[in-house]
Amino acid sequence: MKKKQTHTHEHTHEGHEHVHDHGHFHSPEEKKKQINRLSRAIGHLNHVKLMIENDDDCADVLMQLSAVNSALKNLGKEIINEHMTHCITHAIEDGDTRAVEEFQKAVQKFI
């Protein structure tokens, strides 16, 4: 089981505060955008489920699955960008090489 890091630091960036105890805090605006993207992907996925239940055309199902995959990839890219811009920048400033290494591993799994 992975141990949670327990140090805390705070930073202010362009109108929002960024607090770490390495269960991260992200700006409410970014979080809302990410949740909205995820909600759209879930909606697409629910539609795919319904299409399969209704024996819809396989080509149409695959097109919808492609849309879900694209939405999830784009969400992952946004999360990577957000994390690099804020969390990893601060981890480097703080000399937290473990956070950088963990993020590198996560990105490798994502790609």
PDB file of N, CA and C in Angstrom:
ATOM      1  N   MET A   1       0.847  -1.176   0.000  1.00  0.00           N
ATOM      2  CA  MET A   1       0.000   0.000   0.000  1.00  0.00           C
ATOM      3  C   MET A   1       0.893   1.241   0.000  1.00  0.00           C
ATOM      4  N   LYS A   2       0.513   2.251  -0.749  1.00  0.00           N
ATOM      5  CA  LYS A   2       1.282   3.476  -0.897  1.00  0.00           C
ATOM      6  C   LYS A   2       1.081   4.385   0.301  1.00  0.00           C
ATOM      7  N   LYS A   3       2.178   4.898   0.848  1.00  0.00           N
ATOM      8  CA  LYS A   3       2.086   5.827   1.976  1.00  0.00           C
ATOM      9  C   LYS A   3       1.793   7.229   1.467  1.00  0.00           C
ATOM     10  N   LYS A   4       0.948   7.939   2.166  1.00  0.00           N
ATOM     11  CA  LYS A   4       0.628   9.315   1.819  1.00  0.00           C
ATOM     12  C   LYS A   4       1.677  10.241   2.410  1.00  0.00           C
ATOM     13  N   GLN A   5       2.172  11.175   1.580  1.00  0.00           N
ATOM     14  CA  GLN A   5       3.130  12.154   2.072  1.00  0.00           C
ATOM     15  C   GLN A   5       2.416  13.121   2.988  1.00  0.00           C
ATOM     16  N   THR A   6       3.145  13.629   3.981  1.00  0.00           N
ATOM     17  CA  THR A   6       2.458  14.434   4.984  1.00  0.00           C
ATOM     18  C   THR A   6       2.947  15.872   5.081  1.00  0.00           C
ATOM     19  N   HIS A   7       3.842  16.318   4.202  1.00  0.00           N
ATOM     20  CA  HIS A   7       4.259  17.709   4.349  1.00  0.00           C
ATOM     21  C   HIS A   7       3.259  18.646   3.686  1.00  0.00           C
ATOM     22  N   THR A   8       3.282  19.894   4.115  1.00  0.00           N
ATOM     23  CA  THR A   8       2.329  20.875   3.611  1.00  0.00           C
ATOM     24  C   THR A   8       3.086  22.116   3.151  1.00  0.00           C
ATOM     25  N   HIS A   9       2.635  22.683   2.035  1.00  0.00           N
ATOM     26  CA  HIS A   9       3.126  23.989   1.609  1.00  0.00           C
ATOM     27  C   HIS A   9       2.004  24.695   0.857  1.00  0.00           C
ATOM     28  N   GLU A  10       2.057  26.025   0.883  1.00  0.00           N
ATOM     29  CA  GLU A  10       1.013  26.809   0.246  1.00  0.00           C
ATOM     30  C   GLU A  10       1.633  27.765  -0.749  1.00  0.00           C
ATOM     31  N   HIS A  11       0.902  28.017  -1.826  1.00  0.00           N
ATOM     32  CA  HIS A  11       1.330  28.952  -2.853  1.00  0.00           C
ATOM     33  C   HIS A  11       0.096  29.679  -3.375  1.00  0.00           C
ATOM     34  N   THR A  12       0.279  30.896  -3.860  1.00  0.00           N
ATOM     35  CA  THR A  12      -0.804  31.627  -4.493  1.00  0.00           C
ATOM     36  C   THR A  12      -0.420  31.866  -5.943  1.00  0.00           C
ATOM     37  N   HIS A  13      -1.358  31.569  -6.859  1.00  0.00           N
ATOM     38  CA  HIS A  13      -1.121  31.732  -8.291  1.00  0.00           C
ATOM     39  C   HIS A  13      -2.307  32.427  -8.923  1.00  0.00           C
ATOM     40  N   GLU A  14      -2.068  33.523  -9.573  1.00  0.00           N
ATOM     41  CA  GLU A  14      -3.058  34.206 -10.389  1.00  0.00           C
ATOM     42  C   GLU A  14      -4.484  34.039  -9.876  1.00  0.00           C
ATOM     43  N   GLY A  15      -4.733  34.440  -8.671  1.00  0.00           N
ATOM     44  CA  GLY A  15      -6.087  34.477  -8.165  1.00  0.00           C
ATOM     45  C   GLY A  15      -6.584  33.218  -7.492  1.00  0.00           C
ATOM     46  N   HIS A  16      -5.736  32.193  -7.358  1.00  0.00           N
ATOM     47  CA  HIS A  16      -6.193  31.032  -6.607  1.00  0.00           C
ATOM     48  C   HIS A  16      -5.059  30.486  -5.762  1.00  0.00           C
ATOM     49  N   GLU A  17      -5.445  29.924  -4.650  1.00  0.00           N
ATOM     50  CA  GLU A  17      -4.462  29.368  -3.721  1.00  0.00           C
ATOM     51  C   GLU A  17      -4.244  27.908  -4.054  1.00  0.00           C
ATOM     52  N   HIS A  18      -3.033  27.458  -3.842  1.00  0.00           N
ATOM     53  CA  HIS A  18      -2.670  26.076  -4.131  1.00  0.00           C
ATOM     54  C   HIS A  18      -2.019  25.514  -2.878  1.00  0.00           C
ATOM     55  N   VAL A  19      -2.681  24.589  -2.216  1.00  0.00           N
ATOM     56  CA  VAL A  19      -2.190  24.024  -0.963  1.00  0.00           C
ATOM     57  C   VAL A  19      -1.891  22.553  -1.175  1.00  0.00           C
ATOM     58  N   HIS A  20      -0.740  22.104  -0.681  1.00  0.00           N
ATOM     59  CA  HIS A  20      -0.380  20.695  -0.778  1.00  0.00           C
ATOM     60  C   HIS A  20      -0.208  20.089   0.590  1.00  0.00           C
ATOM     61  N   ASP A  21      -0.815  18.970   0.818  1.00  0.00           N
ATOM     62  CA  ASP A  21      -0.355  18.066   1.848  1.00  0.00           C
ATOM     63  C   ASP A  21      -0.149  16.736   1.128  1.00  0.00           C
ATOM     64  N   HIS A  22      -0.012  16.838  -0.140  1.00  0.00           N
ATOM     65  CA  HIS A  22       0.134  15.747  -1.094  1.00  0.00           C
ATOM     66  C   HIS A  22      -0.998  14.764  -1.033  1.00  0.00           C
ATOM     67  N   GLY A  23      -2.164  15.207  -0.739  1.00  0.00           N
ATOM     68  CA  GLY A  23      -3.449  14.841  -1.229  1.00  0.00           C
ATOM     69  C   GLY A  23      -3.857  16.145  -1.863  1.00  0.00           C
ATOM     70  N   HIS A  24      -3.572  16.494  -3.006  1.00  0.00           N
ATOM     71  CA  HIS A  24      -3.519  17.817  -3.624  1.00  0.00           C
ATOM     72  C   HIS A  24      -4.785  18.643  -3.506  1.00  0.00           C
ATOM     73  N   PHE A  25      -4.599  19.946  -3.593  1.00  0.00           N
ATOM     74  CA  PHE A  25      -5.700  20.888  -3.751  1.00  0.00           C
ATOM     75  C   PHE A  25      -5.489  21.573  -5.082  1.00  0.00           C
ATOM     76  N   HIS A  26      -6.514  21.608  -5.892  1.00  0.00           N
ATOM     77  CA  HIS A  26      -6.433  22.294  -7.179  1.00  0.00           C
ATOM     78  C   HIS A  26      -7.510  23.353  -7.226  1.00  0.00           C
ATOM     79  N   SER A  27      -7.315  24.290  -8.126  1.00  0.00           N
ATOM     80  CA  SER A  27      -8.275  25.389  -8.204  1.00  0.00           C
ATOM     81  C   SER A  27      -9.670  24.853  -8.491  1.00  0.00           C
ATOM     82  N   PRO A  28     -10.672  25.440  -7.875  1.00  0.00           N
ATOM     83  CA  PRO A  28     -12.053  25.010  -8.126  1.00  0.00           C
ATOM     84  C   PRO A  28     -12.432  25.104  -9.605  1.00  0.00           C
ATOM     85  N   GLU A  29     -11.885  26.096 -10.314  1.00  0.00           N
ATOM     86  CA  GLU A  29     -12.206  26.252 -11.737  1.00  0.00           C
ATOM     87  C   GLU A  29     -11.687  25.064 -12.541  1.00  0.00           C
ATOM     88  N   GLU A  30     -10.439  24.677 -12.291  1.00  0.00           N
ATOM     89  CA  GLU A  30      -9.859  23.541 -13.011  1.00  0.00           C
ATOM     90  C   GLU A  30     -10.581  22.251 -12.655  1.00  0.00           C
ATOM     91  N   LYS A  31     -10.875  22.080 -11.388  1.00  0.00           N
ATOM     92  CA  LYS A  31     -11.579  20.872 -10.947  1.00  0.00           C
ATOM     93  C   LYS A  31     -12.942  20.784 -11.626  1.00  0.00           C
ATOM     94  N   LYS A  32     -13.654  21.905 -11.698  1.00  0.00           N
ATOM     95  CA  LYS A  32     -14.978  21.916 -12.332  1.00  0.00           C
ATOM     96  C   LYS A  32     -14.865  21.547 -13.814  1.00  0.00           C
ATOM     97  N   LYS A  33     -13.870  22.097 -14.515  1.00  0.00           N
ATOM     98  CA  LYS A  33     -13.671  21.762 -15.923  1.00  0.00           C
ATOM     99  C   LYS A  33     -13.402  20.271 -16.099  1.00  0.00           C
ATOM    100  N   GLN A  34     -12.575  19.712 -15.218  1.00  0.00           N
ATOM    101  CA  GLN A  34     -12.237  18.299 -15.315  1.00  0.00           C
ATOM    102  C   GLN A  34     -13.449  17.427 -15.014  1.00  0.00           C
ATOM    103  N   ILE A  35     -14.219  17.780 -14.015  1.00  0.00           N
ATOM    104  CA  ILE A  35     -15.425  17.017 -13.672  1.00  0.00           C
ATOM    105  C   ILE A  35     -16.445  17.097 -14.808  1.00  0.00           C
ATOM    106  N   ASN A  36     -16.573  18.263 -15.432  1.00  0.00           N
ATOM    107  CA  ASN A  36     -17.495  18.404 -16.562  1.00  0.00           C
ATOM    108  C   ASN A  36     -17.069  17.519 -17.732  1.00  0.00           C
ATOM    109  N   ARG A  37     -15.772  17.483 -18.027  1.00  0.00           N
ATOM    110  CA  ARG A  37     -15.273  16.609 -19.095  1.00  0.00           C
ATOM    111  C   ARG A  37     -15.562  15.147 -18.763  1.00  0.00           C
ATOM    112  N   LEU A  38     -15.317  14.770 -17.534  1.00  0.00           N
ATOM    113  CA  LEU A  38     -15.557  13.393 -17.110  1.00  0.00           C
ATOM    114  C   LEU A  38     -17.042  13.057 -17.191  1.00  0.00           C
ATOM    115  N   SER A  39     -17.894  13.989 -16.795  1.00  0.00           N
ATOM    116  CA  SER A  39     -19.340  13.767 -16.874  1.00  0.00           C
ATOM    117  C   SER A  39     -19.788  13.546 -18.318  1.00  0.00           C
ATOM    118  N   ARG A  40     -19.219  14.311 -19.258  1.00  0.00           N
ATOM    119  CA  ARG A  40     -19.555  14.116 -20.672  1.00  0.00           C
ATOM    120  C   ARG A  40     -19.107  12.731 -21.138  1.00  0.00           C
ATOM    121  N   ALA A  41     -17.905  12.307 -20.726  1.00  0.00           N
ATOM    122  CA  ALA A  41     -17.411  10.982 -21.108  1.00  0.00           C
ATOM    123  C   ALA A  41     -18.305   9.888 -20.531  1.00  0.00           C
ATOM    124  N   ILE A  42     -18.742  10.062 -19.296  1.00  0.00           N
ATOM    125  CA  ILE A  42     -19.648   9.090 -18.670  1.00  0.00           C
ATOM    126  C   ILE A  42     -20.964   9.047 -19.443  1.00  0.00           C
ATOM    127  N   GLY A  43     -21.449  10.192 -19.863  1.00  0.00           N
ATOM    128  CA  GLY A  43     -22.671  10.250 -20.669  1.00  0.00           C
ATOM    129  C   GLY A  43     -22.507   9.480 -21.972  1.00  0.00           C
ATOM    130  N   HIS A  44     -21.369   9.689 -22.639  1.00  0.00           N
ATOM    131  CA  HIS A  44     -21.082   8.932 -23.868  1.00  0.00           C
ATOM    132  C   HIS A  44     -21.038   7.435 -23.583  1.00  0.00           C
ATOM    133  N   LEU A  45     -20.387   7.062 -22.496  1.00  0.00           N
ATOM    134  CA  LEU A  45     -20.252   5.650 -22.155  1.00  0.00           C
ATOM    135  C   LEU A  45     -21.610   5.022 -21.835  1.00  0.00           C
ATOM    136  N   ASN A  46     -22.456   5.751 -21.127  1.00  0.00           N
ATOM    137  CA  ASN A  46     -23.812   5.263 -20.862  1.00  0.00           C
ATOM    138  C   ASN A  46     -24.588   5.084 -22.169  1.00  0.00           C
ATOM    139  N   HIS A  47     -24.353   6.000 -23.114  1.00  0.00           N
ATOM    140  CA  HIS A  47     -25.000   5.884 -24.419  1.00  0.00           C
ATOM    141  C   HIS A  47     -24.511   4.631 -25.144  1.00  0.00           C
ATOM    142  N   VAL A  48     -23.223   4.334 -25.052  1.00  0.00           N
ATOM    143  CA  VAL A  48     -22.674   3.123 -25.667  1.00  0.00           C
ATOM    144  C   VAL A  48     -23.329   1.886 -25.058  1.00  0.00           C
ATOM    145  N   LYS A  49     -23.476   1.875 -23.757  1.00  0.00           N
ATOM    146  CA  LYS A  49     -24.121   0.743 -23.082  1.00  0.00           C
ATOM    147  C   LYS A  49     -25.537   0.542 -23.614  1.00  0.00           C
ATOM    148  N   LEU A  50     -26.274   1.631 -23.725  1.00  0.00           N
ATOM    149  CA  LEU A  50     -27.636   1.571 -24.240  1.00  0.00           C
ATOM    150  C   LEU A  50     -27.648   1.076 -25.684  1.00  0.00           C
ATOM    151  N   MET A  51     -26.708   1.541 -26.482  1.00  0.00           N
ATOM    152  CA  MET A  51     -26.619   1.109 -27.880  1.00  0.00           C
ATOM    153  C   MET A  51     -26.399  -0.403 -27.972  1.00  0.00           C
ATOM    154  N   ILE A  52     -25.521  -0.919 -27.114  1.00  0.00           N
ATOM    155  CA  ILE A  52     -25.252  -2.359 -27.112  1.00  0.00           C
ATOM    156  C   ILE A  52     -26.494  -3.122 -26.664  1.00  0.00           C
ATOM    157  N   GLU A  53     -27.157  -2.622 -25.619  1.00  0.00           N
ATOM    158  CA  GLU A  53     -28.390  -3.265 -25.141  1.00  0.00           C
ATOM    159  C   GLU A  53     -29.463  -3.298 -26.231  1.00  0.00           C
ATOM    160  N   ASN A  54     -29.486  -2.269 -27.062  1.00  0.00           N
ATOM    161  CA  ASN A  54     -30.495  -2.160 -28.116  1.00  0.00           C
ATOM    162  C   ASN A  54     -30.056  -2.797 -29.433  1.00  0.00           C
ATOM    163  N   ASP A  55     -28.904  -3.484 -29.433  1.00  0.00           N
ATOM    164  CA  ASP A  55     -28.374  -4.121 -30.645  1.00  0.00           C
ATOM    165  C   ASP A  55     -28.184  -3.126 -31.780  1.00  0.00           C
ATOM    166  N   ASP A  56     -27.729  -1.921 -31.447  1.00  0.00           N
ATOM    167  CA  ASP A  56     -27.458  -0.929 -32.489  1.00  0.00           C
ATOM    168  C   ASP A  56     -26.303  -1.396 -33.363  1.00  0.00           C
ATOM    169  N   ASP A  57     -26.156  -0.758 -34.485  1.00  0.00           N
ATOM    170  CA  ASP A  57     -25.110  -1.096 -35.443  1.00  0.00           C
ATOM    171  C   ASP A  57     -23.725  -1.010 -34.791  1.00  0.00           C
ATOM    172  N   CYS A  58     -22.915  -2.039 -35.024  1.00  0.00           N
ATOM    173  CA  CYS A  58     -21.581  -2.114 -34.406  1.00  0.00           C
ATOM    174  C   CYS A  58     -20.692  -0.932 -34.804  1.00  0.00           C
ATOM    175  N   ALA A  59     -20.801  -0.480 -36.047  1.00  0.00           N
ATOM    176  CA  ALA A  59     -20.000   0.663 -36.489  1.00  0.00           C
ATOM    177  C   ALA A  59     -20.350   1.909 -35.679  1.00  0.00           C
ATOM    178  N   ASP A  60     -21.644   2.085 -35.404  1.00  0.00           N
ATOM    179  CA  ASP A  60     -22.074   3.231 -34.596  1.00  0.00           C
ATOM    180  C   ASP A  60     -21.559   3.117 -33.161  1.00  0.00           C
ATOM    181  N   VAL A  61     -21.573   1.903 -32.616  1.00  0.00           N
ATOM    182  CA  VAL A  61     -21.063   1.672 -31.267  1.00  0.00           C
ATOM    183  C   VAL A  61     -19.573   2.017 -31.212  1.00  0.00           C
ATOM    184  N   LEU A  62     -18.838   1.556 -32.214  1.00  0.00           N
ATOM    185  CA  LEU A  62     -17.396   1.843 -32.252  1.00  0.00           C
ATOM    186  C   LEU A  62     -17.120   3.341 -32.362  1.00  0.00           C
ATOM    187  N   MET A  63     -17.943   4.054 -33.106  1.00  0.00           N
ATOM    188  CA  MET A  63     -17.769   5.510 -33.218  1.00  0.00           C
ATOM    189  C   MET A  63     -17.983   6.188 -31.864  1.00  0.00           C
ATOM    190  N   GLN A  64     -18.988   5.728 -31.132  1.00  0.00           N
ATOM    191  CA  GLN A  64     -19.228   6.288 -29.806  1.00  0.00           C
ATOM    192  C   GLN A  64     -18.084   5.939 -28.848  1.00  0.00           C
ATOM    193  N   LEU A  65     -17.578   4.719 -28.929  1.00  0.00           N
ATOM    194  CA  LEU A  65     -16.433   4.327 -28.088  1.00  0.00           C
ATOM    195  C   LEU A  65     -15.215   5.178 -28.408  1.00  0.00           C
ATOM    196  N   SER A  66     -15.054   5.492 -29.679  1.00  0.00           N
ATOM    197  CA  SER A  66     -13.949   6.367 -30.083  1.00  0.00           C
ATOM    198  C   SER A  66     -14.083   7.745 -29.439  1.00  0.00           C
ATOM    199  N   ALA A  67     -15.309   8.251 -29.376  1.00  0.00           N
ATOM    200  CA  ALA A  67     -15.550   9.553 -28.733  1.00  0.00           C
ATOM    201  C   ALA A  67     -15.220   9.489 -27.248  1.00  0.00           C
ATOM    202  N   VAL A  68     -15.571   8.369 -26.590  1.00  0.00           N
ATOM    203  CA  VAL A  68     -15.266   8.203 -25.164  1.00  0.00           C
ATOM    204  C   VAL A  68     -13.751   8.168 -24.962  1.00  0.00           C
ATOM    205  N   ASN A  69     -13.054   7.377 -25.774  1.00  0.00           N
ATOM    206  CA  ASN A  69     -11.592   7.301 -25.662  1.00  0.00           C
ATOM    207  C   ASN A  69     -10.945   8.667 -25.854  1.00  0.00           C
ATOM    208  N   SER A  70     -11.413   9.411 -26.831  1.00  0.00           N
ATOM    209  CA  SER A  70     -10.876  10.743 -27.091  1.00  0.00           C
ATOM    210  C   SER A  70     -11.118  11.679 -25.909  1.00  0.00           C
ATOM    211  N   ALA A  71     -12.316  11.625 -25.355  1.00  0.00           N
ATOM    212  CA  ALA A  71     -12.639  12.483 -24.208  1.00  0.00           C
ATOM    213  C   ALA A  71     -11.749  12.147 -23.015  1.00  0.00           C
ATOM    214  N   LEU A  72     -11.526  10.857 -22.770  1.00  0.00           N
ATOM    215  CA  LEU A  72     -10.685  10.459 -21.641  1.00  0.00           C
ATOM    216  C   LEU A  72      -9.228  10.842 -21.873  1.00  0.00           C
ATOM    217  N   LYS A  73      -8.736  10.685 -23.091  1.00  0.00           N
ATOM    218  CA  LYS A  73      -7.355  11.101 -23.393  1.00  0.00           C
ATOM    219  C   LYS A  73      -7.186  12.597 -23.178  1.00  0.00           C
ATOM    220  N   ASN A  74      -8.160  13.371 -23.646  1.00  0.00           N
ATOM    221  CA  ASN A  74      -8.067  14.823 -23.478  1.00  0.00           C
ATOM    222  C   ASN A  74      -8.124  15.217 -22.011  1.00  0.00           C
ATOM    223  N   LEU A  75      -8.941  14.539 -21.227  1.00  0.00           N
ATOM    224  CA  LEU A  75      -8.988  14.799 -19.796  1.00  0.00           C
ATOM    225  C   LEU A  75      -7.637  14.473 -19.164  1.00  0.00           C
ATOM    226  N   GLY A  76      -7.058  13.340 -19.536  1.00  0.00           N
ATOM    227  CA  GLY A  76      -5.744  12.976 -19.018  1.00  0.00           C
ATOM    228  C   GLY A  76      -4.693  14.022 -19.351  1.00  0.00           C
ATOM    229  N   LYS A  77      -4.732  14.538 -20.566  1.00  0.00           N
ATOM    230  CA  LYS A  77      -3.780  15.590 -20.981  1.00  0.00           C
ATOM    231  C   LYS A  77      -3.964  16.847 -20.135  1.00  0.00           C
ATOM    232  N   GLU A  78      -5.215  17.212 -19.875  1.00  0.00           N
ATOM    233  CA  GLU A  78      -5.471  18.378 -19.023  1.00  0.00           C
ATOM    234  C   GLU A  78      -4.934  18.167 -17.611  1.00  0.00           C
ATOM    235  N   ILE A  79      -5.150  16.976 -17.080  1.00  0.00           N
ATOM    236  CA  ILE A  79      -4.673  16.674 -15.725  1.00  0.00           C
ATOM    237  C   ILE A  79      -3.149  16.699 -15.685  1.00  0.00           C
ATOM    238  N   ILE A  80      -2.502  16.139 -16.700  1.00  0.00           N
ATOM    239  CA  ILE A  80      -1.042  16.172 -16.768  1.00  0.00           C
ATOM    240  C   ILE A  80      -0.557  17.616 -16.806  1.00  0.00           C
ATOM    241  N   ASN A  81      -1.163  18.423 -17.664  1.00  0.00           N
ATOM    242  CA  ASN A  81      -0.753  19.821 -17.787  1.00  0.00           C
ATOM    243  C   ASN A  81      -0.936  20.572 -16.470  1.00  0.00           C
ATOM    244  N   GLU A  82      -2.091  20.392 -15.844  1.00  0.00           N
ATOM    245  CA  GLU A  82      -2.374  21.057 -14.569  1.00  0.00           C
ATOM    246  C   GLU A  82      -1.350  20.642 -13.513  1.00  0.00           C
ATOM    247  N   HIS A  83      -1.086  19.346 -13.459  1.00  0.00           N
ATOM    248  CA  HIS A  83      -0.166  18.832 -12.444  1.00  0.00           C
ATOM    249  C   HIS A  83       1.257  19.342 -12.692  1.00  0.00           C
ATOM    250  N   MET A  84       1.680  19.366 -13.946  1.00  0.00           N
ATOM    251  CA  MET A  84       3.023  19.868 -14.262  1.00  0.00           C
ATOM    252  C   MET A  84       3.138  21.352 -13.954  1.00  0.00           C
ATOM    253  N   THR A  85       2.113  22.091 -14.315  1.00  0.00           N
ATOM    254  CA  THR A  85       2.139  23.543 -14.137  1.00  0.00           C
ATOM    255  C   THR A  85       2.208  23.940 -12.668  1.00  0.00           C
ATOM    256  N   HIS A  86       1.511  23.201 -11.832  1.00  0.00           N
ATOM    257  CA  HIS A  86       1.435  23.593 -10.434  1.00  0.00           C
ATOM    258  C   HIS A  86       2.210  22.646  -9.519  1.00  0.00           C
ATOM    259  N   CYS A  87       1.754  21.432  -9.425  1.00  0.00           N
ATOM    260  CA  CYS A  87       2.287  20.500  -8.422  1.00  0.00           C
ATOM    261  C   CYS A  87       3.746  20.147  -8.659  1.00  0.00           C
ATOM    262  N   ILE A  88       4.093  19.785  -9.883  1.00  0.00           N
ATOM    263  CA  ILE A  88       5.469  19.372 -10.163  1.00  0.00           C
ATOM    264  C   ILE A  88       6.411  20.563 -10.082  1.00  0.00           C
ATOM    265  N   THR A  89       5.972  21.707 -10.526  1.00  0.00           N
ATOM    266  CA  THR A  89       6.793  22.915 -10.387  1.00  0.00           C
ATOM    267  C   THR A  89       7.144  23.151  -8.925  1.00  0.00           C
ATOM    268  N   HIS A  90       6.158  23.023  -8.052  1.00  0.00           N
ATOM    269  CA  HIS A  90       6.396  23.246  -6.627  1.00  0.00           C
ATOM    270  C   HIS A  90       7.225  22.119  -6.020  1.00  0.00           C
ATOM    271  N   ALA A  91       7.004  20.902  -6.481  1.00  0.00           N
ATOM    272  CA  ALA A  91       7.797  19.779  -5.972  1.00  0.00           C
ATOM    273  C   ALA A  91       9.272  19.982  -6.302  1.00  0.00           C
ATOM    274  N   ILE A  92       9.554  20.444  -7.512  1.00  0.00           N
ATOM    275  CA  ILE A  92      10.941  20.710  -7.908  1.00  0.00           C
ATOM    276  C   ILE A  92      11.516  21.838  -7.066  1.00  0.00           C
ATOM    277  N   GLU A  93      10.741  22.914  -6.898  1.00  0.00           N
ATOM    278  CA  GLU A  93      11.194  24.031  -6.060  1.00  0.00           C
ATOM    279  C   GLU A  93      11.505  23.565  -4.646  1.00  0.00           C
ATOM    280  N   ASP A  94      10.720  22.608  -4.140  1.00  0.00           N
ATOM    281  CA  ASP A  94      10.887  22.110  -2.776  1.00  0.00           C
ATOM    282  C   ASP A  94      11.878  20.952  -2.684  1.00  0.00           C
ATOM    283  N   GLY A  95      12.432  20.541  -3.840  1.00  0.00           N
ATOM    284  CA  GLY A  95      13.377  19.425  -3.839  1.00  0.00           C
ATOM    285  C   GLY A  95      12.717  18.076  -3.602  1.00  0.00           C
ATOM    286  N   ASP A  96      11.428  17.967  -3.901  1.00  0.00           N
ATOM    287  CA  ASP A  96      10.670  16.734  -3.673  1.00  0.00           C
ATOM    288  C   ASP A  96      10.809  15.821  -4.890  1.00  0.00           C
ATOM    289  N   THR A  97      11.914  15.105  -4.958  1.00  0.00           N
ATOM    290  CA  THR A  97      12.162  14.234  -6.111  1.00  0.00           C
ATOM    291  C   THR A  97      11.198  13.048  -6.145  1.00  0.00           C
ATOM    292  N   ARG A  98      10.716  12.618  -5.007  1.00  0.00           N
ATOM    293  CA  ARG A  98       9.781  11.493  -4.963  1.00  0.00           C
ATOM    294  C   ARG A  98       8.480  11.826  -5.698  1.00  0.00           C
ATOM    295  N   ALA A  99       7.976  13.019  -5.498  1.00  0.00           N
ATOM    296  CA  ALA A  99       6.747  13.434  -6.190  1.00  0.00           C
ATOM    297  C   ALA A  99       6.970  13.460  -7.702  1.00  0.00           C
ATOM    298  N   VAL A 100       8.132  13.921  -8.125  1.00  0.00           N
ATOM    299  CA  VAL A 100       8.458  13.969  -9.553  1.00  0.00           C
ATOM    300  C   VAL A 100       8.539  12.553 -10.114  1.00  0.00           C
ATOM    301  N   GLU A 101       9.200  11.663  -9.403  1.00  0.00           N
ATOM    302  CA  GLU A 101       9.327  10.273  -9.853  1.00  0.00           C
ATOM    303  C   GLU A 101       7.966   9.586  -9.933  1.00  0.00           C
ATOM    304  N   GLU A 102       7.120   9.802  -8.940  1.00  0.00           N
ATOM    305  CA  GLU A 102       5.783   9.200  -8.941  1.00  0.00           C
ATOM    306  C   GLU A 102       4.956   9.711 -10.118  1.00  0.00           C
ATOM    307  N   PHE A 103       5.091  11.003 -10.407  1.00  0.00           N
ATOM    308  CA  PHE A 103       4.349  11.576 -11.529  1.00  0.00           C
ATOM    309  C   PHE A 103       4.853  10.996 -12.846  1.00  0.00           C
ATOM    310  N   GLN A 104       6.168  10.847 -12.982  1.00  0.00           N
ATOM    311  CA  GLN A 104       6.721  10.250 -14.196  1.00  0.00           C
ATOM    312  C   GLN A 104       6.163   8.852 -14.416  1.00  0.00           C
ATOM    313  N   LYS A 105       6.083   8.065 -13.367  1.00  0.00           N
ATOM    314  CA  LYS A 105       5.520   6.711 -13.470  1.00  0.00           C
ATOM    315  C   LYS A 105       4.061   6.764 -13.897  1.00  0.00           C
ATOM    316  N   ALA A 106       3.306   7.678 -13.330  1.00  0.00           N
ATOM    317  CA  ALA A 106       1.883   7.798 -13.681  1.00  0.00           C
ATOM    318  C   ALA A 106       1.703   8.196 -15.145  1.00  0.00           C
ATOM    319  N   VAL A 107       2.535   9.123 -15.617  1.00  0.00           N
ATOM    320  CA  VAL A 107       2.455   9.555 -17.021  1.00  0.00           C
ATOM    321  C   VAL A 107       2.795   8.383 -17.931  1.00  0.00           C
ATOM    322  N   GLN A 108       3.820   7.603 -17.581  1.00  0.00           N
ATOM    323  CA  GLN A 108       4.188   6.442 -18.389  1.00  0.00           C
ATOM    324  C   GLN A 108       3.030   5.452 -18.496  1.00  0.00           C
ATOM    325  N   LYS A 109       2.325   5.222 -17.413  1.00  0.00           N
ATOM    326  CA  LYS A 109       1.172   4.316 -17.448  1.00  0.00           C
ATOM    327  C   LYS A 109       0.051   4.907 -18.299  1.00  0.00           C
ATOM    328  N   PHE A 110      -0.122   6.208 -18.220  1.00  0.00           N
ATOM    329  CA  PHE A 110      -1.187   6.867 -18.984  1.00  0.00           C
ATOM    330  C   PHE A 110      -0.935   6.772 -20.483  1.00  0.00           C
ATOM    331  N   ILE A 111       0.335   6.987 -20.871  1.00  0.00           N
ATOM    332  CA  ILE A 111       0.627   6.963 -22.310  1.00  0.00           C
ATOM    333  C   ILE A 111       0.905   5.545 -22.764  1.00  0.00           C
TER     334      ILE A 111
END
